[in-house]
Every structure is written in C-alpha cells, then in structure tokens.
Amino acid sequence: MTVTDKATTGPLADVVFGVPYCSVSQYYEYFGDAPAPAAYGLSCVWQTFEVGRRLEASGLGPVRYLVDGRHVAAVTTTADGMDVYDPYLLHLEPLRLRRADAGANGTVTAVQEAVPFRTTAEGGAAPGRVRAVWTPKRNRLRLEYTRFSPRRGHHVVSRMFTFATDRVLGAVPPPAEVVRPLLLHPEQNNLSVRAIDGERGLHELVYPLSRLGRGPVHRQDLLTRDNDGRWARHGRRDFDASLDAIADTLAVSTRDLVDFVLGGVDIYRRIAPADLEIASYSLEDE
C-alpha cells in the first residue's frame, strides 16, 4: 500500500503533502539571520496556521486554533459540531465531529486514516490512524495518533493531545517573545525534516539533540527513519536512500538538505542554555 493509493485533495491533504513538517525552520526565523527557505517546510504549529489560511481562503472559515502546550489544532465550527484539522498528525481528511453522533456517554468519536501507510507481515494494509474524542459537556477534545508497528505487529500510540475547546489561541502567529522560549523547551529533543513521497512514503532526517555538546555539530550524528519506522545511521546505504527520498520530494540537493539541518542545529547549540536538560530521544525501530 502506498501513499498514492490514498492520496486526496483539499486544504489539509495539500499541506500534509506540500508543506513538510520541519522543526528546524523556526530556529532560522526566530534566532537566525534569515528565514528558512520555504522548500523545507514549517513546524507543526505553522503547518496548522497554513491549513487555516487555506480553509479561510476557500470560504470554509472562520478558523479557531485550539492549544495544548506547544501544539495547535485548527477547528471550523458547524451547526452541529466541528471539523478538526491537524497536519502534524498526518491525516488526509478532516475529523468530522457531530453532536448527533454522540454515544451513550455523551462523547463523539471520529477516526481517519493517516500517513504512514504500512503493510502487515501477512501483506495487509496498515495505515496510521487519528482518533478524535470530543466531550461537549466538558469542552474537551482529545486527538490520538497511532502508527502500525512492524516490530510489534499492532498499532501503538505515537502522539496524544488534549484541548479545551472553549480556549483558543489569541494571536496568529503568537508574538516572538512568546515563541522564542517555547523553542527552547526541554521536550524539544530533536530537530528534523520529514517529507512524504507518493511512492516511497514517509521519510525523516533527524538530529537528536541529546548528542549535542558545546562543540561543533557533526553530520555523523544525523539519522534517518524510513516509512516502516526503521532507523539508519549516517554512512549506511539505507540512510542514503531515505536522504535521497527527502531531497527529491523537497526538490533540493542532499548536500543542501544536510547543510540546512546542521545549520539549524548549530543555531540551537548557540542559543540553548548550558544547563538545559533535554528529554531523551528513542531510537528503537518501530
């Protein structure tokens, strides 16, 4: 099963495919000498802002932005509920939540398939999933993103966010004095670029910040992860395969891609407090 089999169009899918997730870009914008080139994509929050901009340009707004810590999801309101858009969670269709569909406990649930699309050991299709659970009486929305783990043989939770639906982001984007401290939060334990190719699927280039000392940044510390969640270290053939897939998707050279990521890591190294304790980063194959 490939991404092409499930490819769709619309503001959400267009951002998932056309505006890659890139946690490096905002370091150039807020701490560097110039913004990052648009080809490399945007951080998760800015991806969501881009979905919102496109929704409103298409006449599908107004858009509200719900917040959970450093994460943001876009919501449009309907007569009987809401539609939820979160490109970071890689679903290609909005999560449509309607009060008429509430269960006996008063909650409303919606599920959409998401990237990566993987295959089970038996050859069956195993796409990712995003599950939304809305509790209108409590003004709560939970988003749960799971991926199929080839190593475990079942889906596992990759991300989970909980939003108060009666609290929305005030300024879009937030002022720089709000953004800069968030970019130095201890949970930011890596800088990465991920891209989706229609045939080769999801590939990520990652620099774990736990490897970062106060000295020079080393390209040998770069890693890639392929569509099946397998890690590869710099210098291996499978590392080069994923690097090529990302560079081809972004229409940049592999050298420029590596230099861009390492440049962002160097910015991080220069601005991060010496006593900052960075959360550990798991390197287990999925």
Protein backbone atom coordinates (compact mmCIF):
# COMPACT_ATOMS: atom_id res chain seq x y z
CA MET A 1 0.00 0.00 0.00
CA THR A 2 1.42 3.39 -0.98
CA VAL A 3 0.51 6.97 -0.20
CA THR A 4 -0.63 7.33 -3.80
CA ASP A 5 -3.37 4.76 -3.19
CA LYS A 6 -4.99 7.06 -0.62
CA ALA A 7 -3.93 10.47 -1.93
CA THR A 8 -6.66 13.08 -1.82
CA THR A 9 -7.01 16.83 -2.23
CA GLY A 10 -8.20 19.71 -0.09
CA PRO A 11 -6.52 22.20 2.25
CA LEU A 12 -5.47 19.54 4.77
CA ALA A 13 -4.04 16.97 2.34
CA ASP A 14 -2.38 19.73 0.32
CA VAL A 15 -0.47 20.88 3.39
CA VAL A 16 0.41 17.34 4.51
CA PHE A 17 1.94 16.62 1.09
CA GLY A 18 3.10 20.09 0.06
CA VAL A 19 4.26 21.78 3.29
CA PRO A 20 6.57 19.29 5.03
CA TYR A 21 6.92 19.18 8.79
CA CYS A 22 10.23 20.80 9.71
CA SER A 23 11.16 21.62 13.30
CA VAL A 24 14.32 23.34 12.03
CA SER A 25 12.71 26.26 10.19
CA GLN A 26 11.60 28.34 13.16
CA TYR A 27 15.15 28.42 14.57
CA TYR A 28 16.28 30.20 11.42
CA GLU A 29 13.30 32.56 11.61
CA TYR A 30 13.48 33.48 15.30
CA PHE A 31 17.19 33.12 16.06
CA GLY A 32 18.96 33.11 12.69
CA ASP A 33 19.95 35.78 10.21
CA ALA A 34 17.16 35.00 7.70
CA PRO A 35 14.03 32.85 7.41
CA ALA A 36 14.43 29.28 6.19
CA PRO A 37 13.72 28.59 2.50
CA ALA A 38 10.08 27.64 2.01
CA ALA A 39 11.04 24.33 0.37
CA TYR A 40 11.98 22.79 3.73
CA GLY A 41 8.55 23.28 5.28
CA LEU A 42 7.30 24.54 8.63
CA SER A 43 6.96 23.50 12.25
CA CYS A 44 3.75 21.78 13.36
CA VAL A 45 2.06 24.96 14.59
CA TRP A 46 2.86 26.86 11.41
CA GLN A 47 1.60 23.93 9.32
CA THR A 48 -1.70 24.27 11.16
CA PHE A 49 -1.77 28.03 10.54
CA GLU A 50 -1.23 27.31 6.84
CA VAL A 51 -4.17 24.89 6.81
CA GLY A 52 -6.28 27.56 8.50
CA ARG A 53 -5.22 30.19 5.96
CA ARG A 54 -6.19 27.89 3.10
CA LEU A 55 -9.50 26.98 4.70
CA GLU A 56 -10.47 30.61 5.07
CA ALA A 57 -9.27 31.42 1.54
CA SER A 58 -11.58 28.64 0.32
CA GLY A 59 -14.53 30.09 2.22
CA LEU A 60 -14.51 27.30 4.82
CA GLY A 61 -13.72 29.51 7.81
CA PRO A 62 -13.71 31.10 10.22
CA VAL A 63 -10.98 29.01 11.83
CA ARG A 64 -10.29 28.70 15.55
CA TYR A 65 -7.00 27.39 16.92
CA LEU A 66 -7.07 25.12 19.98
CA VAL A 67 -3.94 24.83 22.11
CA ASP A 68 -2.32 22.02 24.09
CA GLY A 69 1.03 23.22 25.41
CA ARG A 70 3.21 23.84 22.37
CA HIS A 71 0.77 22.23 19.92
CA VAL A 72 -2.13 23.74 17.96
CA ALA A 73 -5.04 22.23 16.03
CA ALA A 74 -7.36 24.08 13.65
CA VAL A 75 -11.12 23.82 14.05
CA THR A 76 -14.05 25.03 11.97
CA THR A 77 -17.49 25.11 13.58
CA THR A 78 -20.60 23.58 12.03
CA ALA A 79 -24.25 23.81 13.03
CA ASP A 80 -23.97 20.53 14.93
CA GLY A 81 -20.33 20.25 15.85
CA MET A 82 -16.89 20.86 14.39
CA ASP A 83 -14.28 19.72 11.90
CA VAL A 84 -10.71 19.25 13.13
CA TYR A 85 -7.52 19.67 11.10
CA ASP A 86 -4.08 18.73 12.40
CA PRO A 87 -1.49 18.24 9.63
CA TYR A 88 1.21 17.24 12.12
CA LEU A 89 -0.81 14.07 12.77
CA LEU A 90 -0.78 13.30 9.04
CA HIS A 91 -4.47 12.58 8.46
CA LEU A 92 -5.65 13.48 4.96
CA GLU A 93 -9.34 14.11 5.67
CA PRO A 94 -10.78 16.32 8.43
CA LEU A 95 -12.12 14.72 11.59
CA ARG A 96 -15.86 15.45 11.45
CA LEU A 97 -17.46 15.53 14.88
CA ARG A 98 -21.26 15.92 15.21
CA ARG A 99 -23.37 16.02 18.37
CA ALA A 100 -25.96 13.80 16.66
CA ASP A 101 -23.36 11.02 16.66
CA ALA A 102 -22.77 11.15 20.43
CA GLY A 103 -22.71 7.81 22.22
CA ALA A 104 -24.50 6.90 25.43
CA ASN A 105 -21.73 8.55 27.48
CA GLY A 106 -22.11 11.83 25.59
CA THR A 107 -18.84 11.64 23.67
CA VAL A 108 -18.42 11.96 19.92
CA THR A 109 -15.73 9.96 18.14
CA ALA A 110 -14.26 10.20 14.64
CA VAL A 111 -11.39 8.28 13.05
CA GLN A 112 -9.37 8.96 9.91
CA GLU A 113 -6.54 7.07 8.26
CA ALA A 114 -3.14 8.76 8.36
CA VAL A 115 0.37 8.50 6.99
CA PRO A 116 2.45 6.32 7.16
CA PHE A 117 0.76 3.58 5.19
CA ARG A 118 2.46 0.33 6.14
CA THR A 119 1.95 -3.36 5.46
CA THR A 120 1.49 -6.17 7.97
CA ALA A 121 3.60 -9.34 7.90
CA GLU A 122 0.61 -11.06 6.24
CA GLY A 123 0.51 -8.43 3.49
CA GLY A 124 -2.48 -6.49 4.78
CA ALA A 125 -2.81 -2.71 4.69
CA ALA A 126 -1.89 -0.96 7.94
CA PRO A 127 -2.28 2.82 7.70
CA GLY A 128 -1.81 5.12 10.65
CA ARG A 129 -4.91 6.41 12.41
CA VAL A 130 -6.02 9.62 14.07
CA ARG A 131 -8.86 9.27 16.56
CA ALA A 132 -10.72 12.31 17.86
CA VAL A 133 -12.83 12.09 21.02
CA TRP A 134 -14.98 15.14 21.79
CA THR A 135 -16.84 15.59 25.06
CA PRO A 136 -19.09 18.64 24.50
CA LYS A 137 -20.30 18.87 28.12
CA ARG A 138 -16.69 19.12 29.36
CA ASN A 139 -15.40 21.25 26.49
CA ARG A 140 -12.67 18.67 25.84
CA LEU A 141 -11.19 17.30 22.64
CA ARG A 142 -8.58 14.53 22.58
CA LEU A 143 -6.58 13.62 19.49
CA GLU A 144 -4.76 10.28 19.46
CA TYR A 145 -2.35 9.37 16.66
CA THR A 146 -1.31 5.74 16.28
CA ARG A 147 1.06 4.04 13.84
CA PHE A 148 1.30 0.39 12.92
CA SER A 149 4.48 -1.05 14.42
CA PRO A 150 6.02 -3.73 12.17
CA ARG A 151 8.19 -4.87 15.07
CA ARG A 152 5.25 -5.33 17.47
CA GLY A 153 2.66 -6.33 14.90
CA HIS A 154 -0.01 -3.87 16.08
CA HIS A 155 -0.75 -0.14 16.29
CA VAL A 156 0.91 1.91 19.01
CA VAL A 157 0.25 5.45 20.22
CA SER A 158 2.70 7.93 18.76
CA ARG A 159 1.17 11.26 19.86
CA MET A 160 -1.73 12.40 22.02
CA PHE A 161 -3.07 15.91 22.64
CA THR A 162 -5.94 17.21 24.78
CA PHE A 163 -7.57 20.58 24.09
CA ALA A 164 -10.05 22.75 25.95
CA THR A 165 -12.48 23.65 23.18
CA ASP A 166 -13.57 26.86 24.92
CA ARG A 167 -9.99 28.24 24.87
CA VAL A 168 -8.46 29.43 21.62
CA LEU A 169 -5.20 31.00 20.55
CA GLY A 170 -5.41 34.78 20.65
CA ALA A 171 -2.77 35.98 18.17
CA VAL A 172 -1.88 34.13 14.96
CA PRO A 173 1.03 33.78 14.89
CA PRO A 174 1.91 34.46 18.53
CA PRO A 175 4.38 37.30 19.19
CA ALA A 176 8.09 36.48 19.03
CA GLU A 177 8.52 36.91 22.78
CA VAL A 178 6.08 34.02 23.25
CA VAL A 179 7.54 31.79 20.54
CA ARG A 180 11.24 32.02 21.42
CA PRO A 181 11.01 30.43 24.90
CA LEU A 182 8.87 27.61 23.50
CA LEU A 183 11.61 26.75 21.02
CA LEU A 184 13.91 26.10 23.96
CA HIS A 185 11.52 23.83 25.84
CA PRO A 186 13.24 20.67 27.21
CA GLU A 187 10.83 18.38 25.36
CA GLN A 188 12.33 19.60 22.07
CA ASN A 189 14.77 16.72 21.92
CA ASN A 190 15.49 16.66 18.18
CA LEU A 191 15.45 18.74 15.04
CA SER A 192 14.07 17.07 11.95
CA VAL A 193 12.63 17.31 8.47
CA ARG A 194 10.05 14.81 7.22
CA ALA A 195 8.63 14.51 3.74
CA ILE A 196 6.08 12.28 2.03
CA ASP A 197 6.73 10.88 -1.42
CA GLY A 198 3.75 9.30 -3.16
CA GLU A 199 5.53 6.02 -3.83
CA ARG A 200 8.34 5.91 -1.25
CA GLY A 201 6.18 7.10 1.64
CA LEU A 202 7.27 8.94 4.76
CA HIS A 203 10.96 9.59 5.43
CA GLU A 204 12.59 11.68 8.16
CA LEU A 205 16.03 13.22 8.65
CA VAL A 206 16.72 13.66 12.36
CA TYR A 207 19.42 15.16 14.57
CA PRO A 208 18.93 14.02 18.21
CA LEU A 209 19.79 17.00 20.41
CA SER A 210 20.89 14.71 23.22
CA ARG A 211 24.04 14.10 21.15
CA LEU A 212 24.77 17.79 21.04
CA GLY A 213 27.59 19.11 23.20
CA ARG A 214 29.01 22.59 23.30
CA GLY A 215 31.42 21.83 20.46
CA PRO A 216 30.92 21.58 16.69
CA VAL A 217 27.90 19.93 15.13
CA HIS A 218 28.73 16.60 13.45
CA ARG A 219 26.94 15.24 10.41
CA GLN A 220 27.79 11.71 11.62
CA ASP A 221 25.12 12.23 14.31
CA LEU A 222 22.37 12.51 11.69
CA LEU A 223 19.85 9.69 11.39
CA THR A 224 17.08 8.79 9.01
CA ARG A 225 13.85 6.89 9.58
CA ASP A 226 12.04 5.24 6.68
CA ASN A 227 8.38 4.59 6.02
CA ASP A 228 8.45 1.41 8.12
CA GLY A 229 9.96 3.21 11.11
CA ARG A 230 13.48 1.80 10.73
CA TRP A 231 16.41 3.94 11.82
CA ALA A 232 19.62 4.26 9.80
CA ARG A 233 22.84 5.94 10.84
CA HIS A 234 24.86 8.33 8.71
CA GLY A 235 27.00 6.50 6.16
CA ARG A 236 24.72 3.49 5.69
CA ARG A 237 23.09 2.67 2.37
CA ASP A 238 19.58 2.87 3.86
CA PHE A 239 20.46 6.31 5.32
CA ASP A 240 21.34 7.48 1.81
CA ALA A 241 18.11 6.00 0.41
CA SER A 242 15.94 7.96 2.85
CA LEU A 243 18.04 11.10 2.42
CA ASP A 244 17.56 10.86 -1.35
CA ALA A 245 13.81 10.39 -0.92
CA ILE A 246 13.51 13.51 1.23
CA ALA A 247 15.71 15.64 -1.03
CA ASP A 248 13.82 14.52 -4.14
CA THR A 249 10.47 15.32 -2.53
CA LEU A 250 11.64 18.78 -1.45
CA ALA A 251 13.39 19.39 -4.80
CA VAL A 252 16.70 20.23 -3.12
CA SER A 253 20.12 18.58 -3.20
CA THR A 254 21.13 16.17 -0.47
CA ARG A 255 24.05 18.44 0.36
CA ASP A 256 21.77 21.46 0.81
CA LEU A 257 19.35 19.39 2.90
CA VAL A 258 22.09 18.22 5.26
CA ASP A 259 23.61 21.71 5.48
CA PHE A 260 20.19 23.17 6.27
CA VAL A 261 19.56 20.77 9.15
CA LEU A 262 23.06 21.10 10.56
CA GLY A 263 22.81 24.87 10.30
CA GLY A 264 19.64 24.81 12.37
CA VAL A 265 21.28 22.53 14.92
CA ASP A 266 24.19 24.95 15.15
CA ILE A 267 21.76 27.81 15.83
CA TYR A 268 20.20 25.69 18.58
CA ARG A 269 23.63 24.92 20.03
CA ARG A 270 24.47 28.62 20.22
CA ILE A 271 21.22 29.73 21.87
CA ALA A 272 20.40 26.82 24.22
CA PRO A 273 21.16 27.46 27.91
CA ALA A 274 24.16 25.45 29.13
CA ASP A 275 22.08 23.87 31.91
CA LEU A 276 19.15 22.87 29.69
CA GLU A 277 18.22 19.22 30.30
CA ILE A 278 16.95 17.76 27.05
CA ALA A 279 14.48 14.88 27.12
CA SER A 280 15.82 11.55 25.91
CA TYR A 281 15.10 10.50 22.32
CA SER A 282 14.10 6.94 21.49
CA LEU A 283 15.97 5.26 18.63
CA GLU A 284 14.04 1.98 18.64
CA ASP A 285 12.78 0.78 15.31
CA GLU A 286 9.01 0.96 15.15
